[in-house]
Amino acid sequence: MKKIEVAIIDDHEVVIDGLVAMLSTSDLLEITYTTQSGKELLGHLQTASPDVLLMDIQMPEISGIELCRQVLQQQPKVNIIAFSSFDDSSYVKNVMRKGARGYLLKNSDKQTIVRAIERVAGGEDFLDDKIKNILLQETLTGQRRSIYEIPLTKREKELVTLIAEGHSSQEIADKLYISLRTVETHRLNINQKMGVKNTAGLLKEAIKRGLID
C-alpha cells in the first residue's frame, strides 16, 4: 500500500521536529519534505507534489493564507491542512476559502493529525472537534469562544514575568539555571497557549489576562 506523502512547513524548527518524530511512527505516512521558508517551499513544489501539506498559517516571509493560494496555483492537487495556534474563526474561514482542505490546532494529538491527513488525502475536508465546537458556539451565541484559556504552569508564569522585565532568553536561562533550549521550548509553549506569535503579542495578551501589570 502506497504511503501518503506529507510535507511540513513551519517557521519553528522545534514544531517541525516534533511533527516528524510523531508522524514518522505511522505506517500510513511518509514525511518527504520539511522547511521553515515559504519561498523554499514554492521552489520545492516546482518539481514535487506531496499528497498533503501541513502548513503553519503565520509565516514571516509570506502569510500562510497567501502561501496557500500560491501553492494551489502551482500545484492544484496538493491537499493543504492549516496547522495553527490560532483558533479564531476568521483564520479558519480565510484559509479554507483559499483552498485548504483542513484546519488543525497545534495542540492536536497524533491520532487527530493522522486522521486529518488520511481524510484530506482521500478528498474530504477536515476540522477537528475543537474547531467545530468553536464555530458552532460562535454561530449560536454570536460570541467567539476560545479553547486557549489554558492556565500557564508556574514556570511559564515565571518566564512571562522575566520576558516582561526585558530579559533575553539567555539571561532567563542563566537566571533560572536551565538550558537555552528549555527556555525556547517554554516560550513556544506559552505562545501557543496564548495564541500569539511574538514577544509583542505575548506581552499584550499577558496584560489582557492580568499576568503582568
C-alpha atoms as a PDB file:
ATOM      1  CA  MET A   1       0.000   0.000   0.000  1.00  0.00           C
ATOM      2  CA  LYS A   2       1.392   3.389  -1.041  1.00  0.00           C
ATOM      3  CA  LYS A   3       2.102   5.696   1.850  1.00  0.00           C
ATOM      4  CA  ILE A   4       0.634   9.196   1.980  1.00  0.00           C
ATOM      5  CA  GLU A   5       3.414  11.681   1.193  1.00  0.00           C
ATOM      6  CA  VAL A   6       3.428  14.572   3.649  1.00  0.00           C
ATOM      7  CA  ALA A   7       5.329  17.867   3.529  1.00  0.00           C
ATOM      8  CA  ILE A   8       5.575  20.228   6.508  1.00  0.00           C
ATOM      9  CA  ILE A   9       6.190  23.973   6.666  1.00  0.00           C
ATOM     10  CA  ASP A  10       6.541  25.843   9.958  1.00  0.00           C
ATOM     11  CA  ASP A  11       8.874  28.655  10.960  1.00  0.00           C
ATOM     12  CA  HIS A  12       9.691  26.925  14.267  1.00  0.00           C
ATOM     13  CA  GLU A  13      12.207  24.104  13.959  1.00  0.00           C
ATOM     14  CA  VAL A  14      11.016  22.572  17.230  1.00  0.00           C
ATOM     15  CA  VAL A  15       7.479  22.213  15.794  1.00  0.00           C
ATOM     16  CA  ILE A  16       8.799  20.523  12.664  1.00  0.00           C
ATOM     17  CA  ASP A  17      10.986  18.181  14.712  1.00  0.00           C
ATOM     18  CA  GLY A  18       8.030  17.280  16.915  1.00  0.00           C
ATOM     19  CA  LEU A  19       5.762  16.547  13.962  1.00  0.00           C
ATOM     20  CA  VAL A  20       8.412  14.468  12.203  1.00  0.00           C
ATOM     21  CA  ALA A  21       9.040  12.434  15.359  1.00  0.00           C
ATOM     22  CA  MET A  22       5.305  11.944  15.880  1.00  0.00           C
ATOM     23  CA  LEU A  23       4.263  11.117  12.321  1.00  0.00           C
ATOM     24  CA  SER A  24       7.277   9.028  11.305  1.00  0.00           C
ATOM     25  CA  THR A  25       5.992   6.217  13.522  1.00  0.00           C
ATOM     26  CA  SER A  26       2.862   5.853  11.374  1.00  0.00           C
ATOM     27  CA  ASP A  27       2.872   3.082   8.769  1.00  0.00           C
ATOM     28  CA  LEU A  28       0.469   5.136   6.648  1.00  0.00           C
ATOM     29  CA  LEU A  29       2.587   8.264   6.235  1.00  0.00           C
ATOM     30  CA  GLU A  30       5.935   9.290   4.753  1.00  0.00           C
ATOM     31  CA  ILE A  31       7.465  12.702   5.525  1.00  0.00           C
ATOM     32  CA  THR A  32       9.008  13.742   2.204  1.00  0.00           C
ATOM     33  CA  TYR A  33       9.940  17.384   2.814  1.00  0.00           C
ATOM     34  CA  THR A  34      10.183  19.954   5.613  1.00  0.00           C
ATOM     35  CA  THR A  35      11.047  23.641   5.514  1.00  0.00           C
ATOM     36  CA  GLN A  36      10.827  26.849   7.532  1.00  0.00           C
ATOM     37  CA  SER A  37      10.577  29.052   4.422  1.00  0.00           C
ATOM     38  CA  GLY A  38       7.618  29.769   2.171  1.00  0.00           C
ATOM     39  CA  LYS A  39       9.917  30.695  -0.704  1.00  0.00           C
ATOM     40  CA  GLU A  40      11.809  27.424  -0.350  1.00  0.00           C
ATOM     41  CA  LEU A  41       8.534  25.518  -0.327  1.00  0.00           C
ATOM     42  CA  LEU A  42       7.393  27.140  -3.560  1.00  0.00           C
ATOM     43  CA  GLY A  43      10.750  26.308  -5.122  1.00  0.00           C
ATOM     44  CA  HIS A  44      10.454  22.693  -3.995  1.00  0.00           C
ATOM     45  CA  LEU A  45       6.930  22.385  -5.391  1.00  0.00           C
ATOM     46  CA  GLN A  46       8.176  23.209  -8.879  1.00  0.00           C
ATOM     47  CA  THR A  47       9.377  19.617  -9.104  1.00  0.00           C
ATOM     48  CA  ALA A  48       7.439  17.805  -6.370  1.00  0.00           C
ATOM     49  CA  SER A  49       3.811  17.386  -5.332  1.00  0.00           C
ATOM     50  CA  PRO A  50       3.166  15.847  -1.893  1.00  0.00           C
ATOM     51  CA  ASP A  51      -0.243  14.365  -1.167  1.00  0.00           C
ATOM     52  CA  VAL A  52      -0.702  16.536   1.930  1.00  0.00           C
ATOM     53  CA  LEU A  53       0.936  19.760   3.119  1.00  0.00           C
ATOM     54  CA  LEU A  54       0.808  20.617   6.836  1.00  0.00           C
ATOM     55  CA  MET A  55       1.182  24.392   6.813  1.00  0.00           C
ATOM     56  CA  ASP A  56       1.599  26.949   9.571  1.00  0.00           C
ATOM     57  CA  ILE A  57      -0.523  29.981   8.676  1.00  0.00           C
ATOM     58  CA  GLN A  58       1.688  32.515  10.480  1.00  0.00           C
ATOM     59  CA  MET A  59       4.884  32.632   8.426  1.00  0.00           C
ATOM     60  CA  PRO A  60       7.403  35.528   8.380  1.00  0.00           C
ATOM     61  CA  GLU A  61       8.071  35.793   4.619  1.00  0.00           C
ATOM     62  CA  ILE A  62       4.639  35.030   3.176  1.00  0.00           C
ATOM     63  CA  SER A  63       1.471  34.717   5.238  1.00  0.00           C
ATOM     64  CA  GLY A  64       0.124  31.193   5.331  1.00  0.00           C
ATOM     65  CA  ILE A  65      -3.154  32.315   3.781  1.00  0.00           C
ATOM     66  CA  GLU A  66      -1.351  33.866   0.803  1.00  0.00           C
ATOM     67  CA  LEU A  67       1.014  30.890   0.645  1.00  0.00           C
ATOM     68  CA  CYS A  68      -1.997  28.603   0.452  1.00  0.00           C
ATOM     69  CA  ARG A  69      -3.182  30.466  -2.629  1.00  0.00           C
ATOM     70  CA  GLN A  70       0.246  30.332  -4.294  1.00  0.00           C
ATOM     71  CA  VAL A  71       0.781  26.638  -3.520  1.00  0.00           C
ATOM     72  CA  LEU A  72      -2.557  25.663  -5.074  1.00  0.00           C
ATOM     73  CA  GLN A  73      -1.928  27.894  -8.065  1.00  0.00           C
ATOM     74  CA  GLN A  74       1.314  25.989  -8.617  1.00  0.00           C
ATOM     75  CA  GLN A  75       0.193  22.508  -7.527  1.00  0.00           C
ATOM     76  CA  PRO A  76      -3.636  22.301  -7.518  1.00  0.00           C
ATOM     77  CA  LYS A  77      -3.686  18.677  -6.373  1.00  0.00           C
ATOM     78  CA  VAL A  78      -1.864  19.304  -3.067  1.00  0.00           C
ATOM     79  CA  ASN A  79      -4.205  18.886  -0.093  1.00  0.00           C
ATOM     80  CA  ILE A  80      -3.404  21.595   2.443  1.00  0.00           C
ATOM     81  CA  ILE A  81      -4.074  21.345   6.169  1.00  0.00           C
ATOM     82  CA  ALA A  82      -3.596  24.616   8.035  1.00  0.00           C
ATOM     83  CA  PHE A  83      -1.733  23.886  11.281  1.00  0.00           C
ATOM     84  CA  SER A  84      -2.007  26.781  13.679  1.00  0.00           C
ATOM     85  CA  SER A  85      -2.009  28.025  17.260  1.00  0.00           C
ATOM     86  CA  PHE A  86      -4.899  30.331  16.397  1.00  0.00           C
ATOM     87  CA  ASP A  87      -8.477  29.200  16.927  1.00  0.00           C
ATOM     88  CA  ASP A  88     -10.067  32.442  15.729  1.00  0.00           C
ATOM     89  CA  SER A  89     -12.846  31.705  13.253  1.00  0.00           C
ATOM     90  CA  SER A  90     -11.560  34.358  10.842  1.00  0.00           C
ATOM     91  CA  TYR A  91      -8.333  32.382  10.342  1.00  0.00           C
ATOM     92  CA  VAL A  92     -10.280  29.169   9.779  1.00  0.00           C
ATOM     93  CA  LYS A  93     -12.662  30.727   7.262  1.00  0.00           C
ATOM     94  CA  ASN A  94      -9.974  32.667   5.376  1.00  0.00           C
ATOM     95  CA  VAL A  95      -7.635  29.749   4.843  1.00  0.00           C
ATOM     96  CA  MET A  96     -10.446  27.381   3.891  1.00  0.00           C
ATOM     97  CA  ARG A  97     -11.674  29.926   1.341  1.00  0.00           C
ATOM     98  CA  LYS A  98      -8.165  29.975  -0.156  1.00  0.00           C
ATOM     99  CA  GLY A  99      -8.457  26.241  -0.774  1.00  0.00           C
ATOM    100  CA  ALA A 100      -7.167  24.479   2.348  1.00  0.00           C
ATOM    101  CA  ARG A 101      -8.881  21.144   2.991  1.00  0.00           C
ATOM    102  CA  GLY A 102      -8.403  21.087   6.750  1.00  0.00           C
ATOM    103  CA  TYR A 103      -7.611  23.116   9.856  1.00  0.00           C
ATOM    104  CA  LEU A 104      -5.846  21.738  12.927  1.00  0.00           C
ATOM    105  CA  LEU A 105      -4.690  23.351  16.155  1.00  0.00           C
ATOM    106  CA  LYS A 106      -1.105  22.792  17.227  1.00  0.00           C
ATOM    107  CA  ASN A 107      -2.172  21.052  20.421  1.00  0.00           C
ATOM    108  CA  SER A 108      -3.905  18.293  18.422  1.00  0.00           C
ATOM    109  CA  ASP A 109      -2.850  14.759  19.323  1.00  0.00           C
ATOM    110  CA  LYS A 110      -1.262  12.278  16.935  1.00  0.00           C
ATOM    111  CA  GLN A 111      -4.489  10.392  16.328  1.00  0.00           C
ATOM    112  CA  THR A 112      -6.287  13.548  15.239  1.00  0.00           C
ATOM    113  CA  ILE A 113      -3.435  14.692  12.979  1.00  0.00           C
ATOM    114  CA  VAL A 114      -3.134  11.295  11.281  1.00  0.00           C
ATOM    115  CA  ARG A 115      -6.913  11.098  10.826  1.00  0.00           C
ATOM    116  CA  ALA A 116      -6.933  14.579   9.280  1.00  0.00           C
ATOM    117  CA  ILE A 117      -4.146  13.663   6.859  1.00  0.00           C
ATOM    118  CA  GLU A 118      -5.953  10.478   5.817  1.00  0.00           C
ATOM    119  CA  ARG A 119      -9.237  12.331   5.294  1.00  0.00           C
ATOM    120  CA  VAL A 120      -7.872  15.156   3.166  1.00  0.00           C
ATOM    121  CA  ALA A 121      -5.663  12.774   1.178  1.00  0.00           C
ATOM    122  CA  GLY A 122      -8.889  10.910   0.397  1.00  0.00           C
ATOM    123  CA  GLY A 123     -10.572  14.047  -0.880  1.00  0.00           C
ATOM    124  CA  GLU A 124     -12.525  15.074   2.235  1.00  0.00           C
ATOM    125  CA  ASP A 125     -12.385  18.270   4.282  1.00  0.00           C
ATOM    126  CA  PHE A 126     -11.412  18.057   7.957  1.00  0.00           C
ATOM    127  CA  LEU A 127     -11.978  20.242  11.001  1.00  0.00           C
ATOM    128  CA  ASP A 128     -11.234  18.691  14.372  1.00  0.00           C
ATOM    129  CA  ASP A 129     -13.968  18.650  17.003  1.00  0.00           C
ATOM    130  CA  LYS A 130     -12.462  21.595  18.917  1.00  0.00           C
ATOM    131  CA  ILE A 131     -12.689  23.860  15.880  1.00  0.00           C
ATOM    132  CA  LYS A 132     -16.188  22.614  15.036  1.00  0.00           C
ATOM    133  CA  ASN A 133     -17.325  23.392  18.584  1.00  0.00           C
ATOM    134  CA  ILE A 134     -15.867  26.911  18.431  1.00  0.00           C
ATOM    135  CA  LEU A 135     -17.618  27.620  15.129  1.00  0.00           C
ATOM    136  CA  LEU A 136     -20.891  26.161  16.417  1.00  0.00           C
ATOM    137  CA  GLN A 137     -20.807  28.172  19.643  1.00  0.00           C
ATOM    138  CA  GLU A 138     -19.965  31.323  17.730  1.00  0.00           C
ATOM    139  CA  THR A 139     -22.913  30.704  15.423  1.00  0.00           C
ATOM    140  CA  LEU A 140     -25.289  30.048  18.314  1.00  0.00           C
ATOM    141  CA  THR A 141     -24.178  32.857  20.617  1.00  0.00           C
ATOM    142  CA  GLY A 142     -22.658  35.411  18.269  1.00  0.00           C
ATOM    143  CA  GLN A 143     -19.598  35.463  20.531  1.00  0.00           C
ATOM    144  CA  ARG A 144     -16.175  33.947  19.959  1.00  0.00           C
ATOM    145  CA  ARG A 145     -15.196  31.174  22.353  1.00  0.00           C
ATOM    146  CA  SER A 146     -11.548  30.206  22.721  1.00  0.00           C
ATOM    147  CA  ILE A 147     -10.169  26.866  23.828  1.00  0.00           C
ATOM    148  CA  TYR A 148      -6.915  28.626  24.716  1.00  0.00           C
ATOM    149  CA  GLU A 149      -7.955  29.596  28.222  1.00  0.00           C
ATOM    150  CA  ILE A 150      -5.374  27.070  29.366  1.00  0.00           C
ATOM    151  CA  PRO A 151      -3.605  28.030  32.601  1.00  0.00           C
ATOM    152  CA  LEU A 152       0.137  28.548  32.403  1.00  0.00           C
ATOM    153  CA  THR A 153       2.387  26.465  34.610  1.00  0.00           C
ATOM    154  CA  LYS A 154       4.283  28.114  37.464  1.00  0.00           C
ATOM    155  CA  ARG A 155       7.483  28.021  35.383  1.00  0.00           C
ATOM    156  CA  GLU A 156       5.737  29.533  32.367  1.00  0.00           C
ATOM    157  CA  LYS A 157       4.409  32.382  34.522  1.00  0.00           C
ATOM    158  CA  GLU A 158       7.980  32.981  35.739  1.00  0.00           C
ATOM    159  CA  LEU A 159       9.116  33.274  32.135  1.00  0.00           C
ATOM    160  CA  VAL A 160       6.328  35.708  31.254  1.00  0.00           C
ATOM    161  CA  THR A 161       7.388  37.960  34.146  1.00  0.00           C
ATOM    162  CA  LEU A 162      11.046  37.833  33.123  1.00  0.00           C
ATOM    163  CA  ILE A 163      10.218  38.496  29.475  1.00  0.00           C
ATOM    164  CA  ALA A 164       8.131  41.482  30.548  1.00  0.00           C
ATOM    165  CA  GLU A 165      11.135  42.766  32.501  1.00  0.00           C
ATOM    166  CA  GLY A 166      13.120  42.756  29.264  1.00  0.00           C
ATOM    167  CA  HIS A 167      15.393  39.753  29.873  1.00  0.00           C
ATOM    168  CA  SER A 168      16.732  37.858  26.859  1.00  0.00           C
ATOM    169  CA  SER A 169      16.280  34.095  26.546  1.00  0.00           C
ATOM    170  CA  GLN A 170      19.925  33.556  27.530  1.00  0.00           C
ATOM    171  CA  GLU A 171      19.544  35.783  30.584  1.00  0.00           C
ATOM    172  CA  ILE A 172      16.423  33.871  31.593  1.00  0.00           C
ATOM    173  CA  ALA A 173      18.279  30.574  31.176  1.00  0.00           C
ATOM    174  CA  ASP A 174      21.111  31.815  33.392  1.00  0.00           C
ATOM    175  CA  LYS A 175      18.733  33.231  35.984  1.00  0.00           C
ATOM    176  CA  LEU A 176      16.634  30.042  36.251  1.00  0.00           C
ATOM    177  CA  TYR A 177      19.574  27.633  35.866  1.00  0.00           C
ATOM    178  CA  ILE A 178      18.056  25.937  32.825  1.00  0.00           C
ATOM    179  CA  SER A 179      19.286  25.494  29.267  1.00  0.00           C
ATOM    180  CA  LEU A 180      18.644  27.986  26.494  1.00  0.00           C
ATOM    181  CA  ARG A 181      16.803  25.247  24.572  1.00  0.00           C
ATOM    182  CA  THR A 182      14.478  24.709  27.546  1.00  0.00           C
ATOM    183  CA  VAL A 183      13.717  28.434  27.661  1.00  0.00           C
ATOM    184  CA  GLU A 184      12.899  28.461  23.945  1.00  0.00           C
ATOM    185  CA  THR A 185      10.636  25.440  24.371  1.00  0.00           C
ATOM    186  CA  HIS A 186       8.813  27.161  27.239  1.00  0.00           C
ATOM    187  CA  ARG A 187       8.423  30.313  25.152  1.00  0.00           C
ATOM    188  CA  LEU A 188       6.959  28.325  22.264  1.00  0.00           C
ATOM    189  CA  ASN A 189       4.502  26.602  24.614  1.00  0.00           C
ATOM    190  CA  ILE A 190       3.472  29.951  26.117  1.00  0.00           C
ATOM    191  CA  ASN A 191       2.942  31.463  22.665  1.00  0.00           C
ATOM    192  CA  GLN A 192       0.818  28.501  21.599  1.00  0.00           C
ATOM    193  CA  LYS A 193      -1.312  28.613  24.758  1.00  0.00           C
ATOM    194  CA  MET A 194      -1.875  32.333  24.361  1.00  0.00           C
ATOM    195  CA  GLY A 195      -2.341  32.205  20.602  1.00  0.00           C
ATOM    196  CA  VAL A 196       0.393  34.748  19.884  1.00  0.00           C
ATOM    197  CA  LYS A 197       3.336  34.825  17.507  1.00  0.00           C
ATOM    198  CA  ASN A 198       5.969  37.097  19.031  1.00  0.00           C
ATOM    199  CA  THR A 199       7.078  38.913  22.184  1.00  0.00           C
ATOM    200  CA  ALA A 200       4.921  41.967  21.479  1.00  0.00           C
ATOM    201  CA  GLY A 201       1.845  39.783  21.137  1.00  0.00           C
ATOM    202  CA  LEU A 202       2.808  37.816  24.238  1.00  0.00           C
ATOM    203  CA  LEU A 203       3.100  40.951  26.381  1.00  0.00           C
ATOM    204  CA  LYS A 204      -0.178  42.347  25.060  1.00  0.00           C
ATOM    205  CA  GLU A 205      -2.007  39.100  25.836  1.00  0.00           C
ATOM    206  CA  ALA A 206      -0.317  38.773  29.244  1.00  0.00           C
ATOM    207  CA  ILE A 207      -1.541  42.247  30.225  1.00  0.00           C
ATOM    208  CA  LYS A 208      -5.042  41.383  29.000  1.00  0.00           C
ATOM    209  CA  ARG A 209      -5.040  38.248  31.166  1.00  0.00           C
ATOM    210  CA  GLY A 210      -3.680  40.087  34.194  1.00  0.00           C
ATOM    211  CA  LEU A 211      -0.423  38.137  34.273  1.00  0.00           C
ATOM    212  CA  ILE A 212       1.620  41.326  34.284  1.00  0.00           C
ATOM    213  CA  ASP A 213       0.854  44.972  35.047  1.00  0.00           C
END
